[in-house]
């Protein structure tokens, strides 16, 4: 219900703002909102050739293609004048994201089709884990801790192994593997959900922990920083881990208090201490490496562990082939069955993802997002917050809506202010320390047709705010 109302609010307010801007003269055309593509110039005016300044008119006529570009500097957006059919079209700035119709196409081609391929592969592997008995053994081993965090889940339930694999993949920055494992976990949790239309306590806890974004190897962030010319691309890794870890603990505490979880449980405390010790140990090891060693470690660890998971699944299935024979199938046929289920899941979530991303595209291109972000930056600056921090806030504001959009702001901030600036580093931490909340809600709850997400969205947004505040303090402390 909350998500539906928020979605409607974005759509209606964006459309109203677009129409008002058009009829008040603040916007010349709304075609770019519908048909424009990311990074294309935006048409802001059209005049007869006699109406433009003389020096521009002379320059246009001398240009071979009747096109000139002026104001090409860092302080101003390029302004392009194109003369055709007695009029001069004036373009300025670039579009921040695809328009409504290109978003529909790119959602299918660039997002859903690759996601379906990932889902098919990893759901095929998970089918092997189920039939071979590996998932049952993993669930049995982790049950003492998980039943304390998820009291409504029966002991040794299959969802435990799926959630473990999801958390591990997220922790290592393996997004392509984390999503299939997470969707399988949601399906498994839905089987024991007494109210199929309403999110269960276990599903909400899982979603909030997943969305808190605890990550050890932020490979994509390191890559962006390296491309932007950072002196030490991995220098934000420790702040990212600290920020995301605090976000995860905050999510656990907020949801745990709401669900009246027993925080004094011995197995829960031991599990938490083991996780903290593992993170601290890895941090000490990584910090002991030189620059080349850090780059080698961060670029290979995630891939090696992914290969280890795949290799283990195949070898374990081969060693327990008798179980497949008893189930009247083969290892390959079982993989194909799981892959087919993955494809069906991808088709199911497509409308949910499409609806959310189209609304976000409209929200960004309407100009409403920029106005809100500018006002928030203005309020913070008047509160005495450093300009280096307020310049990074657009990344934090857009992150819950769109990973691609916030990534664009991240790259722009590093290009504008420098990858080694406070703004560039803080933007990197913002990008790394949280998930795309609305996308996650749409994908995961949509995959099991949950209509009432209860307090999941509010909690996830609160955790996003906590991550933003933590990131500012951590970045100020480190840099």
Protein backbone atom coordinates (compact mmCIF):
# COMPACT_ATOMS: atom_id res chain seq x y z
CA UNK A 1 0.00 0.00 0.00
CA UNK A 2 2.79 2.45 0.95
CA UNK A 3 4.80 1.58 -2.16
CA UNK A 4 1.72 1.98 -4.38
CA UNK A 5 0.94 5.43 -2.98
CA UNK A 6 4.55 6.52 -3.28
CA UNK A 7 4.63 5.32 -6.91
CA UNK A 8 1.44 7.25 -7.67
CA UNK A 9 2.81 10.35 -5.94
CA UNK A 10 5.97 10.28 -8.08
CA UNK A 11 4.02 9.84 -11.29
CA UNK A 12 1.30 12.44 -10.61
CA UNK A 13 3.63 15.11 -9.17
CA UNK A 14 6.10 14.68 -12.05
CA UNK A 15 3.40 14.96 -14.72
CA UNK A 16 1.90 18.01 -13.00
CA UNK A 17 5.32 19.67 -12.77
CA UNK A 18 6.04 18.95 -16.47
CA UNK A 19 2.72 20.46 -17.59
CA UNK A 20 3.12 23.53 -15.36
CA UNK A 21 6.69 24.08 -16.61
CA UNK A 22 5.54 23.89 -20.23
CA UNK A 23 2.69 26.40 -19.89
CA UNK A 24 4.67 28.83 -17.72
CA UNK A 25 7.48 28.94 -20.25
CA UNK A 26 10.12 27.31 -18.05
CA UNK A 27 10.33 24.40 -20.48
CA UNK A 28 10.25 24.73 -24.27
CA UNK A 29 9.36 21.14 -25.12
CA UNK A 30 8.39 17.98 -23.26
CA UNK A 31 9.43 15.63 -26.05
CA UNK A 32 12.72 14.80 -24.31
CA UNK A 33 10.79 13.57 -21.26
CA UNK A 34 9.07 11.00 -23.48
CA UNK A 35 11.61 10.21 -26.21
CA UNK A 36 14.97 11.65 -25.11
CA UNK A 37 18.00 9.52 -24.33
CA UNK A 38 20.57 9.86 -21.60
CA UNK A 39 23.40 12.35 -22.32
CA UNK A 40 21.63 13.82 -25.35
CA UNK A 41 21.44 17.66 -25.54
CA UNK A 42 18.13 19.19 -24.44
CA UNK A 43 16.19 21.57 -26.72
CA UNK A 44 15.53 24.75 -24.74
CA UNK A 45 14.41 27.20 -27.44
CA UNK A 46 13.82 27.77 -31.15
CA UNK A 47 14.14 31.14 -32.92
CA UNK A 48 14.17 32.59 -36.39
CA UNK A 49 17.66 33.25 -37.70
CA UNK A 50 17.04 37.02 -37.50
CA UNK A 51 16.30 36.79 -33.76
CA UNK A 52 19.66 35.39 -32.65
CA UNK A 53 22.61 37.70 -31.90
CA UNK A 54 24.57 38.86 -34.94
CA UNK A 55 27.85 37.13 -34.00
CA UNK A 56 26.02 33.81 -33.58
CA UNK A 57 24.16 34.31 -36.85
CA UNK A 58 27.42 34.98 -38.70
CA UNK A 59 29.12 31.99 -37.10
CA UNK A 60 26.25 29.66 -38.02
CA UNK A 61 26.31 30.72 -41.65
CA UNK A 62 30.06 30.14 -41.85
CA UNK A 63 29.88 26.69 -40.20
CA UNK A 64 29.93 23.80 -42.73
CA UNK A 65 26.96 22.02 -41.14
CA UNK A 66 25.19 25.18 -39.89
CA UNK A 67 25.95 24.13 -36.30
CA UNK A 68 28.08 25.86 -33.68
CA UNK A 69 28.84 25.15 -30.00
CA UNK A 70 29.72 27.89 -27.49
CA UNK A 71 30.36 28.14 -23.72
CA UNK A 72 32.47 25.00 -23.74
CA UNK A 73 33.97 25.25 -20.26
CA UNK A 74 33.58 23.66 -16.83
CA UNK A 75 31.40 26.40 -15.40
CA UNK A 76 28.70 26.40 -18.07
CA UNK A 77 26.87 23.77 -20.05
CA UNK A 78 27.53 23.65 -23.77
CA UNK A 79 25.04 25.63 -25.83
CA UNK A 80 24.53 24.32 -29.36
CA UNK A 81 22.89 26.31 -32.16
CA UNK A 82 21.56 24.35 -35.13
CA UNK A 83 20.24 26.26 -38.17
CA UNK A 84 17.72 24.43 -40.35
CA UNK A 85 14.67 25.49 -42.36
CA UNK A 86 14.90 29.20 -41.44
CA UNK A 87 14.97 28.55 -37.68
CA UNK A 88 17.72 28.07 -35.14
CA UNK A 89 17.24 25.35 -32.54
CA UNK A 90 19.09 25.98 -29.29
CA UNK A 91 20.25 23.07 -27.16
CA UNK A 92 21.81 23.39 -23.71
CA UNK A 93 22.87 20.84 -21.11
CA UNK A 94 22.37 17.11 -21.39
CA UNK A 95 19.58 14.79 -20.37
CA UNK A 96 20.18 13.10 -17.01
CA UNK A 97 18.43 9.83 -17.86
CA UNK A 98 16.46 8.12 -20.64
CA UNK A 99 12.96 9.36 -21.37
CA UNK A 100 9.84 7.36 -20.60
CA UNK A 101 9.72 5.34 -23.83
CA UNK A 102 13.48 4.59 -24.08
CA UNK A 103 13.34 3.53 -20.42
CA UNK A 104 10.68 0.96 -21.30
CA UNK A 105 12.97 -0.46 -23.98
CA UNK A 106 16.20 -0.34 -21.95
CA UNK A 107 14.49 -1.94 -18.95
CA UNK A 108 13.80 -5.01 -21.07
CA UNK A 109 16.97 -5.08 -23.18
CA UNK A 110 19.62 -3.85 -20.75
CA UNK A 111 18.21 -5.00 -17.41
CA UNK A 112 15.60 -7.75 -17.55
CA UNK A 113 17.15 -9.92 -20.28
CA UNK A 114 20.59 -10.05 -18.57
CA UNK A 115 18.83 -10.58 -15.23
CA UNK A 116 16.84 -13.50 -16.68
CA UNK A 117 20.11 -15.04 -17.91
CA UNK A 118 21.67 -14.69 -14.43
CA UNK A 119 18.52 -16.09 -12.84
CA UNK A 120 18.49 -19.07 -15.20
CA UNK A 121 22.11 -19.98 -14.47
CA UNK A 122 22.09 -19.55 -10.71
CA UNK A 123 18.63 -21.04 -10.23
CA UNK A 124 19.93 -24.05 -12.15
CA UNK A 125 22.81 -24.32 -9.68
CA UNK A 126 20.41 -23.95 -6.74
CA UNK A 127 18.32 -26.84 -8.05
CA UNK A 128 21.47 -28.95 -7.90
CA UNK A 129 22.11 -27.79 -4.32
CA UNK A 130 18.58 -28.80 -3.35
CA UNK A 131 18.54 -32.27 -4.91
CA UNK A 132 22.11 -33.11 -3.85
CA UNK A 133 21.28 -32.20 -0.25
CA UNK A 134 23.95 -29.47 0.03
CA UNK A 135 21.40 -26.74 0.81
CA UNK A 136 19.91 -28.89 3.57
CA UNK A 137 23.32 -29.41 5.19
CA UNK A 138 24.05 -25.67 5.01
CA UNK A 139 20.66 -24.83 6.51
CA UNK A 140 21.18 -27.34 9.30
CA UNK A 141 24.57 -25.90 10.18
CA UNK A 142 23.35 -22.29 10.31
CA UNK A 143 19.96 -22.92 11.90
CA UNK A 144 21.06 -22.12 15.50
CA UNK A 145 21.83 -18.51 14.47
CA UNK A 146 19.13 -17.98 11.85
CA UNK A 147 16.23 -19.17 14.00
CA UNK A 148 17.15 -16.39 16.47
CA UNK A 149 17.19 -13.72 13.77
CA UNK A 150 14.15 -15.23 11.99
CA UNK A 151 12.05 -16.82 14.75
CA UNK A 152 9.18 -17.64 12.39
CA UNK A 153 11.36 -19.84 10.16
CA UNK A 154 11.33 -23.58 11.04
CA UNK A 155 14.66 -25.15 11.96
CA UNK A 156 16.67 -26.39 8.94
CA UNK A 157 14.34 -24.65 6.48
CA UNK A 158 15.77 -24.34 2.90
CA UNK A 159 15.41 -20.54 2.94
CA UNK A 160 18.31 -20.39 5.41
CA UNK A 161 20.79 -21.66 2.82
CA UNK A 162 19.43 -19.29 0.14
CA UNK A 163 19.67 -16.27 2.43
CA UNK A 164 23.21 -17.28 3.40
CA UNK A 165 24.27 -17.42 -0.24
CA UNK A 166 22.58 -14.06 -0.88
CA UNK A 167 24.34 -12.38 2.04
CA UNK A 168 27.68 -13.92 1.00
CA UNK A 169 27.29 -12.77 -2.62
CA UNK A 170 26.37 -9.24 -1.50
CA UNK A 171 29.29 -9.20 0.93
CA UNK A 172 31.67 -10.00 -1.93
CA UNK A 173 30.11 -7.60 -4.43
CA UNK A 174 28.68 -10.39 -6.62
CA UNK A 175 25.45 -8.62 -7.60
CA UNK A 176 24.68 -10.98 -10.48
CA UNK A 177 24.71 -13.94 -8.07
CA UNK A 178 23.10 -12.17 -5.10
CA UNK A 179 19.82 -11.41 -6.90
CA UNK A 180 19.01 -15.03 -7.92
CA UNK A 181 19.87 -16.31 -4.44
CA UNK A 182 17.75 -13.57 -2.87
CA UNK A 183 14.74 -14.23 -5.10
CA UNK A 184 14.97 -17.94 -4.31
CA UNK A 185 15.03 -17.04 -0.61
CA UNK A 186 11.90 -14.91 -1.01
CA UNK A 187 10.10 -17.75 -2.82
CA UNK A 188 11.07 -20.16 -0.06
CA UNK A 189 9.93 -17.74 2.65
CA UNK A 190 6.65 -17.20 0.79
CA UNK A 191 5.89 -20.92 1.10
CA UNK A 192 5.65 -20.56 4.88
CA UNK A 193 3.97 -17.14 4.80
CA UNK A 194 0.43 -17.53 6.25
CA UNK A 195 -0.86 -14.41 4.45
CA UNK A 196 0.32 -14.57 0.82
CA UNK A 197 -0.56 -10.93 0.07
CA UNK A 198 1.23 -9.48 3.09
CA UNK A 199 4.98 -9.50 3.78
CA UNK A 200 5.91 -11.82 6.65
CA UNK A 201 8.25 -10.83 9.49
CA UNK A 202 10.97 -13.06 8.04
CA UNK A 203 10.65 -11.49 4.59
CA UNK A 204 10.87 -7.98 6.03
CA UNK A 205 13.93 -8.83 8.11
CA UNK A 206 15.61 -10.44 5.10
CA UNK A 207 14.81 -7.49 2.84
CA UNK A 208 16.10 -4.91 5.31
CA UNK A 209 19.33 -6.82 5.93
CA UNK A 210 19.80 -7.31 2.20
CA UNK A 211 19.13 -3.65 1.38
CA UNK A 212 21.55 -2.39 4.04
CA UNK A 213 24.26 -3.38 1.55
CA UNK A 214 27.05 -4.85 3.71
CA UNK A 215 29.94 -5.15 1.24
CA UNK A 216 33.57 -6.12 1.70
CA UNK A 217 34.85 -5.91 -1.89
CA UNK A 218 33.43 -2.84 -3.64
CA UNK A 219 34.94 -3.81 -6.99
CA UNK A 220 32.75 -1.49 -9.08
CA UNK A 221 33.51 1.56 -6.92
CA UNK A 222 37.23 0.83 -7.05
CA UNK A 223 36.97 0.53 -10.84
CA UNK A 224 35.17 3.87 -11.20
CA UNK A 225 37.75 5.58 -9.00
CA UNK A 226 40.63 4.05 -10.94
CA UNK A 227 39.09 5.26 -14.21
CA UNK A 228 38.72 8.76 -12.71
CA UNK A 229 42.45 8.85 -11.90
CA UNK A 230 42.37 8.32 -8.12
CA UNK A 231 45.82 8.06 -6.51
CA UNK A 232 44.68 5.06 -4.47
CA UNK A 233 41.35 3.77 -5.84
CA UNK A 234 40.87 1.40 -2.88
CA UNK A 235 41.27 4.07 -0.17
CA UNK A 236 37.47 4.24 0.32
CA UNK A 237 37.14 0.51 0.93
CA UNK A 238 37.45 0.69 4.72
CA UNK A 239 35.01 3.64 5.07
CA UNK A 240 32.56 1.75 2.81
CA UNK A 241 32.76 -1.35 5.00
CA UNK A 242 32.30 0.63 8.22
CA UNK A 243 29.33 2.58 6.83
CA UNK A 244 27.56 -0.47 5.38
CA UNK A 245 28.23 -2.49 8.54
CA UNK A 246 26.64 0.20 10.72
CA UNK A 247 23.71 0.29 8.29
CA UNK A 248 23.30 -3.48 8.60
CA UNK A 249 23.40 -3.37 12.40
CA UNK A 250 20.88 -0.49 12.35
CA UNK A 251 18.54 -2.49 10.11
CA UNK A 252 18.82 -5.52 12.37
CA UNK A 253 18.14 -3.49 15.52
CA UNK A 254 15.21 -1.52 14.07
CA UNK A 255 13.46 -4.58 12.65
CA UNK A 256 14.48 -6.71 15.64
CA UNK A 257 12.89 -4.29 18.11
CA UNK A 258 9.74 -4.18 15.98
CA UNK A 259 9.60 -7.99 15.87
CA UNK A 260 10.64 -8.39 19.54
CA UNK A 261 13.69 -10.53 18.82
CA UNK A 262 15.73 -11.78 21.78
CA UNK A 263 19.06 -9.96 21.37
CA UNK A 264 20.54 -11.72 24.43
CA UNK A 265 20.58 -15.14 22.74
CA UNK A 266 24.01 -16.75 23.08
CA UNK A 267 24.05 -18.19 19.56
CA UNK A 268 23.08 -14.79 18.12
CA UNK A 269 25.84 -13.01 20.03
CA UNK A 270 28.41 -15.62 19.00
CA UNK A 271 27.34 -15.41 15.36
CA UNK A 272 27.62 -11.62 15.41
CA UNK A 273 31.05 -11.72 17.06
CA UNK A 274 32.32 -14.25 14.49
CA UNK A 275 31.14 -12.00 11.66
CA UNK A 276 32.80 -8.92 13.22
CA UNK A 277 36.03 -10.86 13.79
CA UNK A 278 36.04 -12.06 10.17
CA UNK A 279 35.55 -8.53 8.85
CA UNK A 280 38.23 -7.08 11.11
CA UNK A 281 40.65 -9.86 10.17
CA UNK A 282 40.13 -9.25 6.46
CA UNK A 283 40.53 -5.50 6.94
CA UNK A 284 43.84 -5.96 8.74
CA UNK A 285 45.05 -8.28 5.99
CA UNK A 286 44.01 -5.91 3.18
CA UNK A 287 45.57 -2.90 4.94
CA UNK A 288 48.86 -4.81 5.23
CA UNK A 289 49.11 -5.07 1.42
CA UNK A 290 50.71 -2.50 -0.86
CA UNK A 291 48.75 -0.78 -3.63
CA UNK A 292 49.35 -3.49 -6.24
CA UNK A 293 48.57 -6.18 -3.67
CA UNK A 294 45.27 -4.50 -2.76
CA UNK A 295 44.28 -4.17 -6.40
CA UNK A 296 45.13 -7.84 -7.04
CA UNK A 297 43.25 -8.99 -3.94
CA UNK A 298 40.10 -6.95 -4.57
CA UNK A 299 39.93 -7.84 -8.27
CA UNK A 300 40.32 -11.60 -7.76
CA UNK A 301 38.79 -12.59 -4.41
CA UNK A 302 35.15 -12.27 -5.49
CA UNK A 303 35.73 -14.14 -8.73
CA UNK A 304 37.60 -16.95 -7.00
CA UNK A 305 34.85 -17.43 -4.43
CA UNK A 306 32.20 -17.46 -7.17
CA UNK A 307 34.16 -20.15 -9.02
CA UNK A 308 34.49 -22.02 -5.73
CA UNK A 309 30.69 -21.97 -5.24
CA UNK A 310 30.08 -23.20 -8.80
CA UNK A 311 32.81 -25.86 -8.55
CA UNK A 312 31.59 -27.08 -5.17
CA UNK A 313 28.01 -27.35 -6.44
CA UNK A 314 29.01 -29.43 -9.46
CA UNK A 315 31.45 -31.70 -7.58
CA UNK A 316 29.01 -32.24 -4.68
CA UNK A 317 26.25 -33.07 -7.18
CA UNK A 318 28.52 -35.56 -8.95
CA UNK A 319 29.44 -37.26 -5.66
CA UNK A 320 25.75 -37.56 -4.73
CA UNK A 321 24.53 -38.53 -8.19
CA UNK A 322 22.50 -41.36 -6.68
CA UNK A 323 20.10 -38.77 -5.24
CA UNK A 324 19.45 -37.47 -8.75
CA UNK A 325 18.82 -41.03 -9.98
CA UNK A 326 16.39 -41.57 -7.08
CA UNK A 327 14.60 -38.39 -8.14
CA UNK A 328 14.31 -39.83 -11.68
CA UNK A 329 16.53 -37.16 -13.24
CA UNK A 330 20.16 -36.36 -14.07
CA UNK A 331 22.43 -33.55 -12.92
CA UNK A 332 22.08 -31.71 -16.23
CA UNK A 333 18.30 -32.18 -16.44
CA UNK A 334 17.95 -30.90 -12.87
CA UNK A 335 20.01 -27.84 -13.84
CA UNK A 336 17.69 -27.20 -16.82
CA UNK A 337 14.60 -27.47 -14.60
CA UNK A 338 16.06 -24.92 -12.18
CA UNK A 339 17.03 -22.63 -15.08
CA UNK A 340 13.46 -22.75 -16.40
CA UNK A 341 12.19 -21.70 -12.98
CA UNK A 342 14.66 -18.81 -13.05
CA UNK A 343 13.33 -17.64 -16.42
CA UNK A 344 9.75 -17.73 -15.09
CA UNK A 345 10.81 -15.64 -12.09
CA UNK A 346 12.43 -13.05 -14.38
CA UNK A 347 9.24 -12.75 -16.45
CA UNK A 348 7.20 -12.34 -13.24
CA UNK A 349 9.24 -9.43 -11.90
CA UNK A 350 9.47 -7.55 -15.23
CA UNK A 351 6.24 -5.49 -14.81
CA UNK A 352 7.21 -4.47 -11.26
CA UNK A 353 10.66 -3.28 -12.34
CA UNK A 354 9.28 -1.53 -15.42
CA UNK A 355 6.69 0.40 -13.44
CA UNK A 356 9.23 1.57 -10.88
CA UNK A 357 11.97 2.58 -13.35
CA UNK A 358 9.58 4.47 -15.63
CA UNK A 359 8.31 6.48 -12.64
CA UNK A 360 11.88 7.28 -11.60
CA UNK A 361 12.77 8.33 -15.17
CA UNK A 362 9.81 10.71 -15.23
CA UNK A 363 10.74 12.06 -11.80
CA UNK A 364 14.31 12.85 -12.88
CA UNK A 365 13.55 14.29 -16.30
CA UNK A 366 10.70 16.47 -15.03
CA UNK A 367 13.24 18.58 -13.16
CA UNK A 368 11.44 18.00 -9.86
CA UNK A 369 14.26 15.89 -8.45
CA UNK A 370 16.85 18.59 -9.14
CA UNK A 371 14.73 21.25 -7.45
CA UNK A 372 14.26 19.09 -4.36
CA UNK A 373 17.96 18.19 -4.21
CA UNK A 374 18.99 21.85 -4.63
CA UNK A 375 16.67 22.93 -1.81
CA UNK A 376 18.01 20.22 0.48
CA UNK A 377 21.60 21.23 -0.36
CA UNK A 378 20.65 24.88 0.31
CA UNK A 379 19.17 23.99 3.71
CA UNK A 380 22.24 21.97 4.67
CA UNK A 381 24.62 24.72 3.56
CA UNK A 382 22.73 27.25 5.69
CA UNK A 383 23.09 24.88 8.63
CA UNK A 384 26.86 25.21 8.25
CA UNK A 385 27.45 21.93 6.40
CA UNK A 386 30.56 22.02 4.21
CA UNK A 387 30.09 22.58 0.47
CA UNK A 388 32.21 19.47 -0.15
CA UNK A 389 29.47 17.46 1.59
CA UNK A 390 26.48 19.18 -0.03
CA UNK A 391 28.04 18.65 -3.49
CA UNK A 392 27.96 14.89 -2.85
CA UNK A 393 24.34 14.78 -1.60
CA UNK A 394 22.75 14.19 -5.05
CA UNK A 395 24.39 10.74 -5.07
CA UNK A 396 22.91 9.94 -1.66
CA UNK A 397 19.48 11.25 -2.63
CA UNK A 398 19.25 9.33 -5.90
CA UNK A 399 20.75 6.06 -4.60
CA UNK A 400 17.47 4.69 -3.17
CA UNK A 401 15.74 5.37 -6.51
CA UNK A 402 18.27 4.35 -9.14
CA UNK A 403 21.69 2.75 -8.99
CA UNK A 404 22.47 3.83 -12.56
CA UNK A 405 21.36 7.40 -11.87
CA UNK A 406 23.40 7.76 -8.70
CA UNK A 407 26.37 6.15 -10.50
CA UNK A 408 26.12 8.91 -13.10
CA UNK A 409 26.24 11.56 -10.35
CA UNK A 410 29.20 9.72 -8.77
CA UNK A 411 31.22 9.77 -11.98
CA UNK A 412 30.27 13.40 -12.60
CA UNK A 413 31.33 14.42 -9.07
CA UNK A 414 34.73 12.74 -9.50
CA UNK A 415 35.22 14.35 -12.91
CA UNK A 416 34.18 17.76 -11.59
CA UNK A 417 35.81 17.87 -8.16
CA UNK A 418 38.46 15.14 -8.51
CA UNK A 419 38.46 11.50 -7.45
CA UNK A 420 40.70 12.32 -4.46
CA UNK A 421 38.57 15.23 -3.27
CA UNK A 422 36.33 14.97 -0.23
CA UNK A 423 33.30 15.19 -2.54
CA UNK A 424 34.57 12.43 -4.81
CA UNK A 425 35.37 10.11 -1.92
CA UNK A 426 32.12 10.81 -0.05
CA UNK A 427 30.13 10.19 -3.25
CA UNK A 428 31.90 6.82 -3.58
CA UNK A 429 30.93 5.88 -0.02
CA UNK A 430 27.32 6.93 -0.61
CA UNK A 431 27.18 4.76 -3.73
CA UNK A 432 28.66 1.74 -1.97
CA UNK A 433 26.92 1.82 1.39
CA UNK A 434 23.27 1.24 0.41
CA UNK A 435 21.03 -0.49 -2.08
CA UNK A 436 18.53 0.87 -4.62
CA UNK A 437 15.63 0.62 -2.17
CA UNK A 438 12.71 1.04 -4.56
CA UNK A 439 14.21 -1.30 -7.15
CA UNK A 440 14.80 -3.95 -4.46
CA UNK A 441 11.26 -3.58 -3.13
CA UNK A 442 9.79 -3.90 -6.64
CA UNK A 443 11.92 -6.91 -7.62
CA UNK A 444 11.85 -8.99 -4.46
CA UNK A 445 8.30 -8.42 -3.27
CA UNK A 446 7.05 -8.43 -6.87
CA UNK A 447 8.60 -11.86 -7.49
CA UNK A 448 6.23 -13.41 -4.91
CA UNK A 449 3.27 -11.07 -5.58
CA UNK A 450 3.37 -9.38 -2.18
CA UNK A 451 0.92 -6.45 -2.22
CA UNK A 452 1.32 -5.17 1.34
CA UNK A 453 4.98 -4.59 2.27
CA UNK A 454 3.98 -3.36 5.76
CA UNK A 455 6.82 -1.39 7.37
CA UNK A 456 9.56 -2.67 5.05
CA UNK A 457 9.81 0.46 2.86
CA UNK A 458 9.86 2.88 5.81
CA UNK A 459 12.54 0.86 7.59
CA UNK A 460 14.71 0.59 4.49
CA UNK A 461 14.51 4.35 3.85
CA UNK A 462 15.37 5.02 7.51
CA UNK A 463 18.42 2.77 7.15
CA UNK A 464 19.37 4.72 4.01
CA UNK A 465 19.30 7.95 6.05
CA UNK A 466 21.43 6.34 8.77
CA UNK A 467 23.95 5.23 6.12
CA UNK A 468 24.12 8.77 4.71
CA UNK A 469 24.75 10.32 8.13
CA UNK A 470 27.30 7.62 8.98
CA UNK A 471 29.07 8.09 5.64
CA UNK A 472 29.48 11.82 6.28
CA UNK A 473 31.01 11.24 9.71
CA UNK A 474 33.25 8.39 8.52
CA UNK A 475 34.46 10.33 5.46
CA UNK A 476 35.16 13.40 7.61
CA UNK A 477 37.13 11.20 10.02
CA UNK A 478 39.20 9.47 7.34
CA UNK A 479 39.71 12.24 4.79
